[in-house]
């Protein structure tokens, strides 16, 4: 499975969990955990990595998902402020 697809899946899963009651403080830890779990699942299905590589790759994908979410949120808020100024 493609790393970009897994990263997007992590963002979607964490957002879904937050809408179902996950505290926002636990979202980064949840994203990293999901990254590791999905990376290990990917390892069992397709192979190609060692266990240590899969774990590190999962941590990186989880951290990437967190950064992707925060970048999207920051740009959305910036656009909102810009629109308010134009009014």
PDB file of N, CA and C in Angstrom:
ATOM      1  N   UNK A   1       0.857  -1.182   0.000  1.00  0.00           N
ATOM      2  CA  UNK A   1       0.000   0.000   0.000  1.00  0.00           C
ATOM      3  C   UNK A   1       0.899   1.240   0.000  1.00  0.00           C
ATOM      4  N   UNK A   2       0.479   2.243  -0.690  1.00  0.00           N
ATOM      5  CA  UNK A   2       1.266   3.463  -0.843  1.00  0.00           C
ATOM      6  C   UNK A   2       1.333   4.238   0.478  1.00  0.00           C
ATOM      7  N   UNK A   3       2.485   4.809   0.761  1.00  0.00           N
ATOM      8  CA  UNK A   3       2.665   5.562   2.015  1.00  0.00           C
ATOM      9  C   UNK A   3       1.753   6.778   2.080  1.00  0.00           C
ATOM     10  N   UNK A   4       1.540   7.439   0.952  1.00  0.00           N
ATOM     11  CA  UNK A   4       0.649   8.605   0.939  1.00  0.00           C
ATOM     12  C   UNK A   4      -0.784   8.201   1.257  1.00  0.00           C
ATOM     13  N   UNK A   5      -1.200   7.056   0.759  1.00  0.00           N
ATOM     14  CA  UNK A   5      -2.547   6.561   1.044  1.00  0.00           C
ATOM     15  C   UNK A   5      -2.699   6.230   2.524  1.00  0.00           C
ATOM     16  N   UNK A   6      -1.691   5.603   3.105  1.00  0.00           N
ATOM     17  CA  UNK A   6      -1.743   5.277   4.533  1.00  0.00           C
ATOM     18  C   UNK A   6      -1.778   6.557   5.365  1.00  0.00           C
ATOM     19  N   UNK A   7      -0.988   7.552   4.987  1.00  0.00           N
ATOM     20  CA  UNK A   7      -0.981   8.821   5.714  1.00  0.00           C
ATOM     21  C   UNK A   7      -2.346   9.491   5.661  1.00  0.00           C
ATOM     22  N   UNK A   8      -2.966   9.500   4.480  1.00  0.00           N
ATOM     23  CA  UNK A   8      -4.311  10.069   4.358  1.00  0.00           C
ATOM     24  C   UNK A   8      -5.325   9.271   5.164  1.00  0.00           C
ATOM     25  N   UNK A   9      -5.167   7.956   5.191  1.00  0.00           N
ATOM     26  CA  UNK A   9      -6.056   7.109   5.979  1.00  0.00           C
ATOM     27  C   UNK A   9      -5.913   7.406   7.469  1.00  0.00           C
ATOM     28  N   UNK A  10      -4.705   7.661   7.924  1.00  0.00           N
ATOM     29  CA  UNK A  10      -4.478   8.006   9.329  1.00  0.00           C
ATOM     30  C   UNK A  10      -5.181   9.314   9.669  1.00  0.00           C
ATOM     31  N   UNK A  11      -5.060  10.311   8.797  1.00  0.00           N
ATOM     32  CA  UNK A  11      -5.734  11.596   9.021  1.00  0.00           C
ATOM     33  C   UNK A  11      -7.236  11.373   9.143  1.00  0.00           C
ATOM     34  N   UNK A  12      -7.799  10.596   8.226  1.00  0.00           N
ATOM     35  CA  UNK A  12      -9.236  10.349   8.241  1.00  0.00           C
ATOM     36  C   UNK A  12      -9.676   9.579   9.489  1.00  0.00           C
ATOM     37  N   UNK A  13      -8.906   8.577   9.875  1.00  0.00           N
ATOM     38  CA  UNK A  13      -9.263   7.793  11.061  1.00  0.00           C
ATOM     39  C   UNK A  13      -9.200   8.620  12.340  1.00  0.00           C
ATOM     40  N   UNK A  14      -8.150   9.421  12.475  1.00  0.00           N
ATOM     41  CA  UNK A  14      -8.016  10.253  13.671  1.00  0.00           C
ATOM     42  C   UNK A  14      -9.142  11.287  13.729  1.00  0.00           C
ATOM     43  N   UNK A  15      -9.470  11.879  12.588  1.00  0.00           N
ATOM     44  CA  UNK A  15     -10.568  12.852  12.556  1.00  0.00           C
ATOM     45  C   UNK A  15     -11.884  12.181  12.927  1.00  0.00           C
ATOM     46  N   UNK A  16     -12.104  10.984  12.429  1.00  0.00           N
ATOM     47  CA  UNK A  16     -13.307  10.245  12.797  1.00  0.00           C
ATOM     48  C   UNK A  16     -13.356   9.916  14.276  1.00  0.00           C
ATOM     49  N   UNK A  17     -12.226   9.528  14.832  1.00  0.00           N
ATOM     50  CA  UNK A  17     -12.173   9.241  16.272  1.00  0.00           C
ATOM     51  C   UNK A  17     -12.416  10.495  17.100  1.00  0.00           C
ATOM     52  N   UNK A  18     -11.891  11.628  16.626  1.00  0.00           N
ATOM     53  CA  UNK A  18     -12.122  12.882  17.358  1.00  0.00           C
ATOM     54  C   UNK A  18     -13.600  13.258  17.341  1.00  0.00           C
ATOM     55  N   UNK A  19     -14.274  12.999  16.248  1.00  0.00           N
ATOM     56  CA  UNK A  19     -15.707  13.299  16.166  1.00  0.00           C
ATOM     57  C   UNK A  19     -16.546  12.355  17.022  1.00  0.00           C
ATOM     58  N   UNK A  20     -15.956  11.212  17.377  1.00  0.00           N
ATOM     59  CA  UNK A  20     -16.655  10.259  18.237  1.00  0.00           C
ATOM     60  C   UNK A  20     -16.160  10.291  19.681  1.00  0.00           C
ATOM     61  N   UNK A  21     -15.498  11.380  20.056  1.00  0.00           N
ATOM     62  CA  UNK A  21     -15.180  11.565  21.458  1.00  0.00           C
ATOM     63  C   UNK A  21     -13.719  11.525  21.859  1.00  0.00           C
ATOM     64  N   UNK A  22     -12.810  11.270  20.940  1.00  0.00           N
ATOM     65  CA  UNK A  22     -11.392  11.276  21.295  1.00  0.00           C
ATOM     66  C   UNK A  22     -10.964  12.702  21.620  1.00  0.00           C
ATOM     67  N   UNK A  23     -10.340  12.886  22.763  1.00  0.00           N
ATOM     68  CA  UNK A  23      -9.856  14.211  23.142  1.00  0.00           C
ATOM     69  C   UNK A  23      -8.752  14.647  22.174  1.00  0.00           C
ATOM     70  N   UNK A  24      -8.770  15.903  21.787  1.00  0.00           N
ATOM     71  CA  UNK A  24      -7.796  16.434  20.818  1.00  0.00           C
ATOM     72  C   UNK A  24      -6.358  16.282  21.327  1.00  0.00           C
ATOM     73  N   UNK A  25      -6.185  16.262  22.647  1.00  0.00           N
ATOM     74  CA  UNK A  25      -4.843  16.097  23.212  1.00  0.00           C
ATOM     75  C   UNK A  25      -4.235  14.742  22.864  1.00  0.00           C
ATOM     76  N   UNK A  26      -5.081  13.747  22.636  1.00  0.00           N
ATOM     77  CA  UNK A  26      -4.593  12.402  22.342  1.00  0.00           C
ATOM     78  C   UNK A  26      -4.491  12.119  20.848  1.00  0.00           C
ATOM     79  N   UNK A  27      -4.877  13.062  20.005  1.00  0.00           N
ATOM     80  CA  UNK A  27      -4.855  12.849  18.554  1.00  0.00           C
ATOM     81  C   UNK A  27      -3.447  12.562  18.027  1.00  0.00           C
ATOM     82  N   UNK A  28      -2.404  13.304  18.428  1.00  0.00           N
ATOM     83  CA  UNK A  28      -1.060  12.989  17.909  1.00  0.00           C
ATOM     84  C   UNK A  28      -0.583  11.586  18.287  1.00  0.00           C
ATOM     85  N   UNK A  29      -0.802  11.200  19.529  1.00  0.00           N
ATOM     86  CA  UNK A  29      -0.388   9.866  19.965  1.00  0.00           C
ATOM     87  C   UNK A  29      -1.172   8.794  19.218  1.00  0.00           C
ATOM     88  N   UNK A  30      -2.453   9.041  19.013  1.00  0.00           N
ATOM     89  CA  UNK A  30      -3.293   8.105  18.268  1.00  0.00           C
ATOM     90  C   UNK A  30      -2.815   7.988  16.829  1.00  0.00           C
ATOM     91  N   UNK A  31      -2.452   9.103  16.212  1.00  0.00           N
ATOM     92  CA  UNK A  31      -1.974   9.084  14.831  1.00  0.00           C
ATOM     93  C   UNK A  31      -0.683   8.277  14.702  1.00  0.00           C
ATOM     94  N   UNK A  32       0.227   8.450  15.631  1.00  0.00           N
ATOM     95  CA  UNK A  32       1.478   7.692  15.583  1.00  0.00           C
ATOM     96  C   UNK A  32       1.198   6.206  15.811  1.00  0.00           C
ATOM     97  N   UNK A  33       0.323   5.904  16.754  1.00  0.00           N
ATOM     98  CA  UNK A  33      -0.044   4.505  16.999  1.00  0.00           C
ATOM     99  C   UNK A  33      -0.685   3.860  15.784  1.00  0.00           C
ATOM    100  N   UNK A  34      -1.606   4.584  15.159  1.00  0.00           N
ATOM    101  CA  UNK A  34      -2.231   4.059  13.942  1.00  0.00           C
ATOM    102  C   UNK A  34      -1.214   3.897  12.819  1.00  0.00           C
ATOM    103  N   UNK A  35      -0.267   4.813  12.740  1.00  0.00           N
ATOM    104  CA  UNK A  35       0.780   4.696  11.729  1.00  0.00           C
ATOM    105  C   UNK A  35       1.583   3.424  11.894  1.00  0.00           C
ATOM    106  N   UNK A  36       1.942   3.116  13.121  1.00  0.00           N
ATOM    107  CA  UNK A  36       2.715   1.899  13.390  1.00  0.00           C
ATOM    108  C   UNK A  36       1.869   0.661  13.083  1.00  0.00           C
ATOM    109  N   UNK A  37       0.627   0.650  13.536  1.00  0.00           N
ATOM    110  CA  UNK A  37      -0.248  -0.505  13.309  1.00  0.00           C
ATOM    111  C   UNK A  37      -0.470  -0.728  11.813  1.00  0.00           C
ATOM    112  N   UNK A  38      -0.777   0.340  11.079  1.00  0.00           N
ATOM    113  CA  UNK A  38      -1.013   0.193   9.640  1.00  0.00           C
ATOM    114  C   UNK A  38       0.260  -0.192   8.891  1.00  0.00           C
ATOM    115  N   UNK A  39       1.395   0.300   9.339  1.00  0.00           N
ATOM    116  CA  UNK A  39       2.652  -0.072   8.712  1.00  0.00           C
ATOM    117  C   UNK A  39       2.969  -1.547   8.955  1.00  0.00           C
ATOM    118  N   UNK A  40       2.703  -2.032  10.165  1.00  0.00           N
ATOM    119  CA  UNK A  40       2.922  -3.454  10.455  1.00  0.00           C
ATOM    120  C   UNK A  40       1.941  -4.321   9.671  1.00  0.00           C
ATOM    121  N   UNK A  41       0.710  -3.855   9.527  1.00  0.00           N
ATOM    122  CA  UNK A  41      -0.278  -4.566   8.715  1.00  0.00           C
ATOM    123  C   UNK A  41       0.190  -4.627   7.263  1.00  0.00           C
ATOM    124  N   UNK A  42       0.717  -3.521   6.783  1.00  0.00           N
ATOM    125  CA  UNK A  42       1.264  -3.458   5.427  1.00  0.00           C
ATOM    126  C   UNK A  42       2.440  -4.422   5.275  1.00  0.00           C
ATOM    127  N   UNK A  43       3.259  -4.520   6.304  1.00  0.00           N
ATOM    128  CA  UNK A  43       4.403  -5.441   6.284  1.00  0.00           C
ATOM    129  C   UNK A  43       3.932  -6.884   6.169  1.00  0.00           C
ATOM    130  N   UNK A  44       2.898  -7.257   6.924  1.00  0.00           N
ATOM    131  CA  UNK A  44       2.428  -8.642   6.880  1.00  0.00           C
ATOM    132  C   UNK A  44       1.786  -8.976   5.535  1.00  0.00           C
ATOM    133  N   UNK A  45       1.146  -7.995   4.903  1.00  0.00           N
ATOM    134  CA  UNK A  45       0.504  -8.258   3.611  1.00  0.00           C
ATOM    135  C   UNK A  45       1.494  -8.289   2.455  1.00  0.00           C
ATOM    136  N   UNK A  46       2.409  -7.334   2.426  1.00  0.00           N
ATOM    137  CA  UNK A  46       3.259  -7.168   1.254  1.00  0.00           C
ATOM    138  C   UNK A  46       4.735  -7.431   1.493  1.00  0.00           C
ATOM    139  N   UNK A  47       5.171  -7.434   2.747  1.00  0.00           N
ATOM    140  CA  UNK A  47       6.578  -7.674   3.043  1.00  0.00           C
ATOM    141  C   UNK A  47       7.467  -6.541   2.555  1.00  0.00           C
ATOM    142  N   UNK A  48       8.733  -6.842   2.350  1.00  0.00           N
ATOM    143  CA  UNK A  48       9.653  -5.870   1.786  1.00  0.00           C
ATOM    144  C   UNK A  48      10.429  -5.060   2.804  1.00  0.00           C
ATOM    145  N   UNK A  49      10.021  -5.050   4.050  1.00  0.00           N
ATOM    146  CA  UNK A  49      10.715  -4.292   5.092  1.00  0.00           C
ATOM    147  C   UNK A  49      11.030  -5.210   6.263  1.00  0.00           C
ATOM    148  N   UNK A  50      11.996  -4.808   7.051  1.00  0.00           N
ATOM    149  CA  UNK A  50      12.217  -5.500   8.314  1.00  0.00           C
ATOM    150  C   UNK A  50      11.223  -4.950   9.336  1.00  0.00           C
ATOM    151  N   UNK A  51      11.111  -5.596  10.461  1.00  0.00           N
ATOM    152  CA  UNK A  51      10.194  -5.146  11.510  1.00  0.00           C
ATOM    153  C   UNK A  51      10.569  -3.750  11.992  1.00  0.00           C
ATOM    154  N   UNK A  52      11.862  -3.518  12.213  1.00  0.00           N
ATOM    155  CA  UNK A  52      12.313  -2.199  12.677  1.00  0.00           C
ATOM    156  C   UNK A  52      12.012  -1.120  11.649  1.00  0.00           C
ATOM    157  N   UNK A  53      12.223  -1.418  10.381  1.00  0.00           N
ATOM    158  CA  UNK A  53      11.930  -0.448   9.328  1.00  0.00           C
ATOM    159  C   UNK A  53      10.439  -0.128   9.265  1.00  0.00           C
ATOM    160  N   UNK A  54       9.604  -1.150   9.434  1.00  0.00           N
ATOM    161  CA  UNK A  54       8.158  -0.946   9.401  1.00  0.00           C
ATOM    162  C   UNK A  54       7.707  -0.070  10.571  1.00  0.00           C
ATOM    163  N   UNK A  55       8.297  -0.274  11.741  1.00  0.00           N
ATOM    164  CA  UNK A  55       7.934   0.529  12.909  1.00  0.00           C
ATOM    165  C   UNK A  55       8.346   1.984  12.703  1.00  0.00           C
ATOM    166  N   UNK A  56       9.568   2.202  12.245  1.00  0.00           N
ATOM    167  CA  UNK A  56      10.041   3.568  12.001  1.00  0.00           C
ATOM    168  C   UNK A  56       9.206   4.234  10.909  1.00  0.00           C
ATOM    169  N   UNK A  57       8.893   3.495   9.865  1.00  0.00           N
ATOM    170  CA  UNK A  57       8.064   4.028   8.787  1.00  0.00           C
ATOM    171  C   UNK A  57       6.679   4.393   9.316  1.00  0.00           C
ATOM    172  N   UNK A  58       6.123   3.586  10.198  1.00  0.00           N
ATOM    173  CA  UNK A  58       4.819   3.888  10.792  1.00  0.00           C
ATOM    174  C   UNK A  58       4.851   5.149  11.642  1.00  0.00           C
ATOM    175  N   UNK A  59       5.925   5.317  12.402  1.00  0.00           N
ATOM    176  CA  UNK A  59       6.073   6.534  13.213  1.00  0.00           C
ATOM    177  C   UNK A  59       6.151   7.758  12.296  1.00  0.00           C
ATOM    178  N   UNK A  60       6.916   7.646  11.226  1.00  0.00           N
ATOM    179  CA  UNK A  60       7.054   8.766  10.286  1.00  0.00           C
ATOM    180  C   UNK A  60       5.710   9.079   9.632  1.00  0.00           C
ATOM    181  N   UNK A  61       4.961   8.053   9.239  1.00  0.00           N
ATOM    182  CA  UNK A  61       3.659   8.296   8.611  1.00  0.00           C
ATOM    183  C   UNK A  61       2.686   8.929   9.598  1.00  0.00           C
ATOM    184  N   UNK A  62       2.710   8.496  10.859  1.00  0.00           N
ATOM    185  CA  UNK A  62       1.854   9.108  11.872  1.00  0.00           C
ATOM    186  C   UNK A  62       2.199  10.563  12.099  1.00  0.00           C
ATOM    187  N   UNK A  63       3.486  10.870  12.191  1.00  0.00           N
ATOM    188  CA  UNK A  63       3.912  12.261  12.363  1.00  0.00           C
ATOM    189  C   UNK A  63       3.590  13.098  11.131  1.00  0.00           C
ATOM    190  N   UNK A  64       3.696  12.497   9.952  1.00  0.00           N
ATOM    191  CA  UNK A  64       3.334  13.199   8.720  1.00  0.00           C
ATOM    192  C   UNK A  64       1.843  13.514   8.700  1.00  0.00           C
ATOM    193  N   UNK A  65       1.041  12.583   9.159  1.00  0.00           N
ATOM    194  CA  UNK A  65      -0.413  12.805   9.208  1.00  0.00           C
ATOM    195  C   UNK A  65      -0.757  13.955  10.145  1.00  0.00           C
ATOM    196  N   UNK A  66      -0.052  14.027  11.272  1.00  0.00           N
ATOM    197  CA  UNK A  66      -0.286  15.125  12.209  1.00  0.00           C
ATOM    198  C   UNK A  66       0.070  16.454  11.557  1.00  0.00           C
ATOM    199  N   UNK A  67       1.214  16.508  10.890  1.00  0.00           N
ATOM    200  CA  UNK A  67       1.640  17.732  10.224  1.00  0.00           C
ATOM    201  C   UNK A  67       0.711  18.120   9.096  1.00  0.00           C
ATOM    202  N   UNK A  68       0.238  17.146   8.351  1.00  0.00           N
ATOM    203  CA  UNK A  68      -0.694  17.411   7.255  1.00  0.00           C
ATOM    204  C   UNK A  68      -1.995  17.986   7.787  1.00  0.00           C
ATOM    205  N   UNK A  69      -2.487  17.433   8.877  1.00  0.00           N
ATOM    206  CA  UNK A  69      -3.726  17.927   9.470  1.00  0.00           C
ATOM    207  C   UNK A  69      -3.556  19.365   9.965  1.00  0.00           C
ATOM    208  N   UNK A  70      -2.479  19.623  10.676  1.00  0.00           N
ATOM    209  CA  UNK A  70      -2.264  20.958  11.228  1.00  0.00           C
ATOM    210  C   UNK A  70      -2.012  22.002  10.136  1.00  0.00           C
ATOM    211  N   UNK A  71      -1.329  21.611   9.063  1.00  0.00           N
ATOM    212  CA  UNK A  71      -1.098  22.544   7.956  1.00  0.00           C
ATOM    213  C   UNK A  71      -2.418  22.893   7.272  1.00  0.00           C
ATOM    214  N   UNK A  72      -3.257  21.901   7.065  1.00  0.00           N
ATOM    215  CA  UNK A  72      -4.565  22.159   6.462  1.00  0.00           C
ATOM    216  C   UNK A  72      -5.438  23.025   7.345  1.00  0.00           C
ATOM    217  N   UNK A  73      -5.392  22.767   8.634  1.00  0.00           N
ATOM    218  CA  UNK A  73      -6.180  23.549   9.584  1.00  0.00           C
ATOM    219  C   UNK A  73      -5.685  24.997   9.637  1.00  0.00           C
ATOM    220  N   UNK A  74      -4.378  25.190   9.658  1.00  0.00           N
ATOM    221  CA  UNK A  74      -3.817  26.541   9.724  1.00  0.00           C
ATOM    222  C   UNK A  74      -4.155  27.337   8.471  1.00  0.00           C
ATOM    223  N   UNK A  75      -4.087  26.701   7.306  1.00  0.00           N
ATOM    224  CA  UNK A  75      -4.411  27.433   6.079  1.00  0.00           C
ATOM    225  C   UNK A  75      -5.896  27.752   6.006  1.00  0.00           C
ATOM    226  N   UNK A  76      -6.744  26.858   6.498  1.00  0.00           N
ATOM    227  CA  UNK A  76      -8.177  27.120   6.519  1.00  0.00           C
ATOM    228  C   UNK A  76      -8.497  28.297   7.429  1.00  0.00           C
ATOM    229  N   UNK A  77      -7.857  28.358   8.587  1.00  0.00           N
ATOM    230  CA  UNK A  77      -8.072  29.472   9.512  1.00  0.00           C
ATOM    231  C   UNK A  77      -7.538  30.779   8.937  1.00  0.00           C
ATOM    232  N   UNK A  78      -6.412  30.715   8.241  1.00  0.00           N
ATOM    233  CA  UNK A  78      -5.848  31.921   7.623  1.00  0.00           C
ATOM    234  C   UNK A  78      -6.780  32.454   6.535  1.00  0.00           C
ATOM    235  N   UNK A  79      -7.346  31.572   5.748  1.00  0.00           N
ATOM    236  CA  UNK A  79      -8.298  32.000   4.715  1.00  0.00           C
ATOM    237  C   UNK A  79      -9.541  32.631   5.335  1.00  0.00           C
ATOM    238  N   UNK A  80     -10.005  32.068   6.430  1.00  0.00           N
ATOM    239  CA  UNK A  80     -11.166  32.627   7.125  1.00  0.00           C
ATOM    240  C   UNK A  80     -10.884  34.044   7.618  1.00  0.00           C
ATOM    241  N   UNK A  81      -9.694  34.247   8.211  1.00  0.00           N
ATOM    242  CA  UNK A  81      -9.318  35.589   8.684  1.00  0.00           C
ATOM    243  C   UNK A  81      -9.205  36.568   7.530  1.00  0.00           C
ATOM    244  N   UNK A  82      -8.660  36.109   6.416  1.00  0.00           N
ATOM    245  CA  UNK A  82      -8.518  36.962   5.236  1.00  0.00           C
ATOM    246  C   UNK A  82      -9.884  37.393   4.703  1.00  0.00           C
ATOM    247  N   UNK A  83     -10.825  36.487   4.678  1.00  0.00           N
ATOM    248  CA  UNK A  83     -12.177  36.811   4.206  1.00  0.00           C
ATOM    249  C   UNK A  83     -12.867  37.802   5.128  1.00  0.00           C
ATOM    250  N   UNK A  84     -12.642  37.664   6.428  1.00  0.00           N
ATOM    251  CA  UNK A  84     -13.257  38.604   7.386  1.00  0.00           C
ATOM    252  C   UNK A  84     -12.701  40.016   7.205  1.00  0.00           C
ATOM    253  N   UNK A  85     -11.411  40.123   6.893  1.00  0.00           N
ATOM    254  CA  UNK A  85     -10.792  41.431   6.692  1.00  0.00           C
ATOM    255  C   UNK A  85     -11.331  42.139   5.458  1.00  0.00           C
ATOM    256  N   UNK A  86     -11.680  41.363   4.432  1.00  0.00           N
ATOM    257  CA  UNK A  86     -12.174  41.942   3.186  1.00  0.00           C
ATOM    258  C   UNK A  86     -13.590  42.477   3.321  1.00  0.00           C
ATOM    259  N   UNK A  87     -14.321  42.053   4.322  1.00  0.00           N
ATOM    260  CA  UNK A  87     -15.709  42.486   4.495  1.00  0.00           C
ATOM    261  C   UNK A  87     -15.796  43.874   4.999  1.00  0.00           C
TER     262      UNK A  87
END
